[in-house]
Amino acid sequence: MTLLLTRTDLEAVLDPGACLAALSEGFRTPAAEVPVAGQRVRTELPFPGTATALIPGLLPGIEAYTVKVNAKFPGARPALRGVICLHSGRDGELLALLDSATVTAWRTGLAAAIGTHALAGPHFGPDSVVGVVGAGAQAESTLRGLAVLRPFGEVVVHDTDGGRAEAFAARHGGRVVGSAPEVAALADTVLLATWSREPLLHLAETRAGQSLISLGADEPGKRELGADLLEDAVVIVDDHELARTMGALAGTGLAADATLGEVLRGEHPGWAGADDRTVYTPVGLPWQDLAVAWVAYGEARRRGVGREVDLLG
């Protein structure tokens, strides 16, 4: 039997604290301890979108793996739709099918919260301003996770959809501003989670000591930060090769300073000093899907959430 977990099911069983713990442990796991390296496969389509697959999601200690298949159609709502297959590592049994959009938003947003927490300098505290550019599901998950990890102050938000920005600001007791540079002018930490293909911020629109989290540069052609800003900043990624070939650093000739895993393991300091800008710009890795899907599956089984189907029947 295969357990079907919809968006509603996942929102009912997922807990930010449990997912943060699973993701943090995954980041701290050296790549050499994962038996098979994860792969991202992406292809253009003869339609207004792309097809993406992430295989296999593996972590030591979990006798299961994930395969994720996504459709990314920027003009659609939602823009990302797909499924995550959770398979048994013993015999390949399809344990669960999970809504990919929900798992992706949770794992991307909560991983960004871990990155924000790790890279924000000592100046970041209860009065610090968090800026949001792109008021979607990933930004929502990031703020939810950051609230678990450390206190912060006001939220300022910008989105090309004014109604969505207003609703996001209302949920977080924040306020709406008119552009990404206005967000950067006010915020100590800036989170960008958009589909932009042109830089939204350049070096001159940011300031020393600021940390920026760019979630939108996860495939070729997507850009949120200018090359001048990336060249000046301490750049942290989730995977060196993917950041260079399809992430924020693609086509720039630049290399990342470290991965978030290296920061969390104490192999790199992350935040470098009051005169430096810090950028965390992940692409997204298959093991992150497994970390959140495994938490969801275990909790759904425990609580009797979801619907079982016999796909072989």
Protein backbone atom coordinates (compact mmCIF):
# COMPACT_ATOMS: atom_id res chain seq x y z
CA MET A 1 0.00 0.00 0.00
CA THR A 2 1.15 3.53 -0.83
CA LEU A 3 0.29 6.49 1.37
CA LEU A 4 -0.94 9.59 -0.47
CA LEU A 5 -0.10 12.84 1.32
CA THR A 6 -1.69 16.01 -0.05
CA ARG A 7 -0.80 19.60 0.75
CA THR A 8 -3.43 19.63 3.52
CA ASP A 9 -2.10 16.37 4.96
CA LEU A 10 1.47 17.65 4.96
CA GLU A 11 0.59 20.96 6.58
CA ALA A 12 -1.20 18.98 9.30
CA VAL A 13 1.73 16.71 10.16
CA LEU A 14 4.85 18.79 9.49
CA ASP A 15 6.45 20.60 12.42
CA PRO A 16 9.09 23.29 11.85
CA GLY A 17 11.21 22.16 14.78
CA ALA A 18 11.38 18.53 13.66
CA CYS A 19 12.15 19.50 10.07
CA LEU A 20 14.81 22.00 11.13
CA ALA A 21 16.51 19.28 13.19
CA ALA A 22 16.44 16.81 10.29
CA LEU A 23 17.78 19.38 7.81
CA SER A 24 20.50 20.60 10.18
CA GLU A 25 21.69 17.03 10.68
CA GLY A 26 21.71 16.52 6.93
CA PHE A 27 23.80 19.64 6.33
CA ARG A 28 26.30 18.49 8.95
CA THR A 29 26.72 15.13 7.21
CA PRO A 30 29.93 15.18 5.11
CA ALA A 31 29.33 14.39 1.45
CA ALA A 32 31.71 11.43 1.72
CA GLU A 33 29.26 9.71 4.09
CA VAL A 34 26.43 9.76 1.50
CA PRO A 35 26.92 6.64 -0.68
CA VAL A 36 25.48 8.11 -3.90
CA ALA A 37 25.73 11.76 -4.90
CA GLY A 38 22.45 13.48 -5.61
CA GLN A 39 21.64 14.69 -9.11
CA ARG A 40 19.46 17.45 -10.52
CA VAL A 41 18.20 16.81 -14.05
CA ARG A 42 16.49 19.66 -15.89
CA THR A 43 15.21 20.00 -19.43
CA GLU A 44 13.42 22.59 -21.49
CA LEU A 45 10.01 21.65 -22.85
CA PRO A 46 8.03 22.58 -25.99
CA PHE A 47 5.68 24.30 -23.54
CA PRO A 48 6.13 27.43 -21.36
CA GLY A 49 7.92 25.56 -18.59
CA THR A 50 10.66 23.13 -17.61
CA ALA A 51 10.83 19.58 -16.26
CA THR A 52 13.08 18.88 -13.27
CA ALA A 53 13.95 15.66 -11.44
CA LEU A 54 16.03 15.25 -8.26
CA ILE A 55 17.45 11.78 -7.65
CA PRO A 56 18.19 10.04 -5.34
CA GLY A 57 17.46 11.63 -1.96
CA LEU A 58 19.68 9.71 0.47
CA LEU A 59 20.85 10.20 4.05
CA PRO A 60 22.79 7.89 6.38
CA GLY A 61 20.53 6.13 8.85
CA ILE A 62 17.36 6.31 6.71
CA GLU A 63 16.53 3.07 4.89
CA ALA A 64 14.60 4.86 2.16
CA TYR A 65 15.18 7.26 -0.72
CA THR A 66 13.24 9.87 -2.68
CA VAL A 67 12.75 10.69 -6.32
CA LYS A 68 11.22 14.10 -7.08
CA VAL A 69 9.62 15.14 -10.36
CA ASN A 70 8.56 18.76 -10.82
CA ALA A 71 6.91 20.84 -13.49
CA LYS A 72 8.00 24.49 -13.34
CA PHE A 73 5.71 26.85 -15.27
CA PRO A 74 6.42 30.43 -14.10
CA GLY A 75 3.16 31.82 -15.50
CA ALA A 76 0.96 29.29 -13.70
CA ARG A 77 -0.46 29.40 -10.18
CA PRO A 78 1.03 27.50 -8.52
CA ALA A 79 4.17 27.77 -10.62
CA LEU A 80 5.60 24.50 -9.29
CA ARG A 81 3.68 21.22 -9.27
CA GLY A 82 4.91 17.69 -8.87
CA VAL A 83 5.27 14.62 -6.75
CA ILE A 84 7.87 13.10 -4.44
CA CYS A 85 8.11 9.32 -4.44
CA LEU A 86 9.35 7.85 -1.16
CA HIS A 87 10.72 4.34 -1.74
CA SER A 88 11.85 1.69 0.71
CA GLY A 89 15.56 1.01 0.56
CA ARG A 90 14.96 -2.67 1.32
CA ASP A 91 12.85 -3.67 -1.65
CA GLY A 92 11.88 -0.49 -3.52
CA GLU A 93 8.31 -0.48 -2.21
CA LEU A 94 6.62 2.84 -2.95
CA LEU A 95 5.91 3.91 0.62
CA ALA A 96 4.35 7.30 -0.14
CA LEU A 97 3.51 9.88 -2.77
CA LEU A 98 3.81 13.41 -1.41
CA ASP A 99 2.84 16.78 -2.86
CA SER A 100 6.14 18.16 -4.09
CA ALA A 101 5.23 21.84 -3.92
CA THR A 102 4.62 21.64 -0.17
CA VAL A 103 7.72 19.59 0.63
CA THR A 104 9.86 21.81 -1.59
CA ALA A 105 8.59 24.99 0.06
CA TRP A 106 9.22 23.58 3.53
CA ARG A 107 12.68 22.19 2.88
CA THR A 108 13.83 25.23 0.88
CA GLY A 109 12.44 27.76 3.32
CA LEU A 110 13.61 25.99 6.46
CA ALA A 111 17.07 25.40 4.97
CA ALA A 112 17.15 29.14 4.25
CA ALA A 113 16.25 29.79 7.88
CA ILE A 114 19.21 27.63 8.94
CA GLY A 115 21.43 29.59 6.57
CA THR A 116 20.12 32.92 7.84
CA HIS A 117 20.69 31.87 11.43
CA ALA A 118 24.21 30.62 10.70
CA LEU A 119 25.36 33.58 8.63
CA ALA A 120 23.74 36.56 10.35
CA GLY A 121 26.39 38.47 12.26
CA PRO A 122 26.40 39.28 15.97
CA HIS A 123 24.53 42.51 15.22
CA PHE A 124 21.40 40.51 14.31
CA GLY A 125 18.97 40.46 17.23
CA PRO A 126 15.40 41.02 18.41
CA ASP A 127 15.30 44.49 16.84
CA SER A 128 16.77 43.48 13.49
CA VAL A 129 14.69 44.00 10.36
CA VAL A 130 14.06 41.09 8.00
CA GLY A 131 13.32 42.03 4.41
CA VAL A 132 11.39 39.80 2.01
CA VAL A 133 11.35 40.09 -1.78
CA GLY A 134 8.85 37.60 -3.13
CA ALA A 135 6.04 36.82 -0.71
CA GLY A 136 5.43 33.19 -1.64
CA ALA A 137 5.46 29.82 0.11
CA GLN A 138 9.24 29.63 0.43
CA ALA A 139 9.47 33.01 2.16
CA GLU A 140 6.64 31.94 4.45
CA SER A 141 8.53 28.81 5.48
CA THR A 142 11.76 30.74 5.98
CA LEU A 143 10.19 33.18 8.45
CA ARG A 144 8.42 30.32 10.19
CA GLY A 145 11.71 28.51 10.66
CA LEU A 146 13.70 31.61 11.59
CA ALA A 147 11.20 32.38 14.36
CA VAL A 148 12.08 29.01 15.90
CA LEU A 149 15.84 29.63 15.68
CA ARG A 150 16.16 33.25 16.85
CA PRO A 151 14.09 36.37 17.56
CA PHE A 152 13.88 39.18 15.02
CA GLY A 153 12.06 42.47 14.67
CA GLU A 154 10.09 44.12 11.90
CA VAL A 155 9.36 42.51 8.54
CA VAL A 156 9.33 44.59 5.36
CA VAL A 157 8.08 42.99 2.16
CA HIS A 158 7.85 43.61 -1.56
CA ASP A 159 6.14 41.51 -4.21
CA THR A 160 5.09 42.27 -7.77
CA ASP A 161 1.62 41.13 -6.66
CA GLY A 162 0.56 43.90 -4.28
CA GLY A 163 -2.27 41.88 -2.78
CA ARG A 164 0.02 39.00 -1.94
CA ALA A 165 2.51 41.40 -0.36
CA GLU A 166 -0.24 42.97 1.77
CA ALA A 167 -1.47 39.56 2.93
CA PHE A 168 2.06 38.42 3.78
CA ALA A 169 2.76 41.61 5.71
CA ALA A 170 -0.50 41.25 7.63
CA ARG A 171 0.35 37.67 8.67
CA HIS A 172 3.75 38.76 9.99
CA GLY A 173 2.90 42.17 11.43
CA GLY A 174 5.04 43.84 8.79
CA ARG A 175 4.71 46.52 6.15
CA VAL A 176 4.87 46.68 2.37
CA VAL A 177 7.41 48.74 0.42
CA GLY A 178 7.61 49.47 -3.28
CA SER A 179 10.76 47.75 -4.55
CA ALA A 180 13.60 45.37 -3.79
CA PRO A 181 16.08 48.26 -3.25
CA GLU A 182 13.67 49.77 -0.70
CA VAL A 183 13.63 46.44 1.13
CA ALA A 184 17.44 46.32 1.13
CA ALA A 185 17.68 49.90 2.40
CA LEU A 186 15.66 49.00 5.50
CA ALA A 187 16.62 45.40 6.28
CA ASP A 188 19.52 43.80 8.12
CA THR A 189 18.85 40.49 6.37
CA VAL A 190 17.22 40.29 2.93
CA LEU A 191 15.45 37.17 1.69
CA LEU A 192 14.77 36.92 -2.05
CA ALA A 193 12.47 34.15 -3.29
CA THR A 194 11.38 35.04 -6.82
CA TRP A 195 11.35 33.81 -10.41
CA SER A 196 13.40 36.79 -11.60
CA ARG A 197 15.69 36.46 -14.60
CA GLU A 198 17.22 39.90 -14.05
CA PRO A 199 19.14 41.03 -10.94
CA LEU A 200 16.92 42.68 -8.37
CA LEU A 201 19.79 44.00 -6.25
CA HIS A 202 23.28 45.22 -7.10
CA LEU A 203 26.21 46.01 -4.82
CA ALA A 204 25.39 49.72 -4.52
CA GLU A 205 21.87 48.91 -3.30
CA THR A 206 23.16 46.92 -0.32
CA ARG A 207 25.44 47.77 2.59
CA ALA A 208 28.37 46.33 4.50
CA GLY A 209 27.42 43.83 7.18
CA GLN A 210 24.21 42.86 5.44
CA SER A 211 23.31 39.22 4.80
CA LEU A 212 21.28 38.18 1.78
CA ILE A 213 19.52 34.89 1.09
CA SER A 214 18.80 34.25 -2.60
CA LEU A 215 16.49 31.28 -3.19
CA GLY A 216 15.43 32.02 -6.76
CA ALA A 217 18.66 31.23 -8.61
CA ASP A 218 18.11 27.48 -8.75
CA GLU A 219 18.35 26.88 -12.50
CA PRO A 220 20.11 28.44 -15.50
CA GLY A 221 18.93 31.92 -16.45
CA LYS A 222 17.41 32.87 -13.10
CA ARG A 223 19.04 35.88 -11.42
CA GLU A 224 18.28 37.78 -8.24
CA LEU A 225 21.66 39.32 -7.35
CA GLY A 226 24.04 41.23 -9.60
CA ALA A 227 27.49 39.82 -10.41
CA ASP A 228 29.11 42.83 -8.72
CA LEU A 229 27.38 41.95 -5.46
CA LEU A 230 28.32 38.27 -5.71
CA GLU A 231 31.94 39.18 -6.45
CA ASP A 232 32.15 41.43 -3.37
CA ALA A 233 30.33 39.15 -0.92
CA VAL A 234 31.27 36.06 1.04
CA VAL A 235 29.21 33.52 -0.92
CA ILE A 236 27.89 30.37 0.73
CA VAL A 237 26.11 27.66 -1.31
CA ASP A 238 24.71 24.19 -0.70
CA ASP A 239 26.79 22.55 -3.44
CA HIS A 240 29.85 24.00 -5.18
CA GLU A 241 29.37 22.31 -8.55
CA LEU A 242 25.63 22.98 -8.86
CA ALA A 243 26.06 26.63 -7.85
CA ARG A 244 28.69 27.00 -10.59
CA THR A 245 26.78 25.21 -13.34
CA MET A 246 23.13 26.11 -12.75
CA GLY A 247 22.89 28.35 -9.68
CA ALA A 248 23.65 31.98 -8.92
CA LEU A 249 27.30 31.67 -9.93
CA ALA A 250 26.61 30.19 -13.38
CA GLY A 251 28.23 32.30 -16.09
CA THR A 252 29.97 34.63 -13.63
CA GLY A 253 33.35 32.91 -13.42
CA LEU A 254 33.09 33.17 -9.63
CA ALA A 255 33.50 30.42 -7.05
CA ALA A 256 31.74 30.06 -3.73
CA ASP A 257 33.66 30.54 -0.50
CA ALA A 258 32.07 27.56 1.26
CA THR A 259 29.00 25.37 1.59
CA LEU A 260 26.50 25.74 4.41
CA GLY A 261 27.52 22.28 5.55
CA GLU A 262 31.11 23.45 5.93
CA VAL A 263 29.88 26.42 7.98
CA LEU A 264 27.73 24.26 10.26
CA ARG A 265 30.58 21.80 10.77
CA GLY A 266 32.88 24.66 11.80
CA GLU A 267 35.10 24.37 8.72
CA HIS A 268 34.34 27.94 7.58
CA PRO A 269 33.33 30.94 9.73
CA GLY A 270 30.43 32.00 7.49
CA TRP A 271 29.92 35.57 8.62
CA ALA A 272 33.25 37.27 8.05
CA GLY A 273 32.97 40.72 9.63
CA ALA A 274 31.16 44.03 9.84
CA ASP A 275 32.67 45.24 6.56
CA ASP A 276 31.53 42.21 4.56
CA ARG A 277 28.30 41.23 2.89
CA THR A 278 27.28 37.59 3.12
CA VAL A 279 25.17 35.76 0.52
CA TYR A 280 23.60 32.32 0.91
CA THR A 281 22.36 31.09 -2.46
CA PRO A 282 21.35 27.41 -2.57
CA VAL A 283 20.21 25.34 -5.53
CA GLY A 284 18.44 22.60 -3.56
CA LEU A 285 19.63 19.01 -3.07
CA PRO A 286 17.81 15.67 -3.21
CA TRP A 287 18.64 14.69 0.37
CA GLN A 288 16.69 17.72 1.61
CA ASP A 289 13.54 16.24 0.07
CA LEU A 290 14.17 12.99 1.92
CA ALA A 291 14.78 14.75 5.24
CA VAL A 292 11.37 16.45 5.20
CA ALA A 293 9.49 13.60 3.47
CA TRP A 294 10.73 11.10 6.06
CA VAL A 295 9.54 13.32 8.92
CA ALA A 296 6.15 13.71 7.22
CA TYR A 297 5.78 10.01 6.48
CA GLY A 298 6.60 8.94 10.03
CA GLU A 299 4.23 11.44 11.59
CA ALA A 300 1.44 10.66 9.11
CA ARG A 301 1.72 6.96 9.90
CA ARG A 302 1.70 7.68 13.62
CA ARG A 303 -1.39 9.88 13.41
CA GLY A 304 -3.30 8.05 10.70
CA VAL A 305 -3.17 10.97 8.26
CA GLY A 306 -3.39 10.46 4.48
CA ARG A 307 -5.06 7.93 2.22
CA GLU A 308 -3.71 4.49 1.32
CA VAL A 309 -3.96 3.22 -2.24
CA ASP A 310 -2.89 0.01 -3.91
CA LEU A 311 -1.24 1.16 -7.13
CA LEU A 312 -0.59 -2.46 -8.10
CA GLY A 313 -4.19 -3.53 -7.54
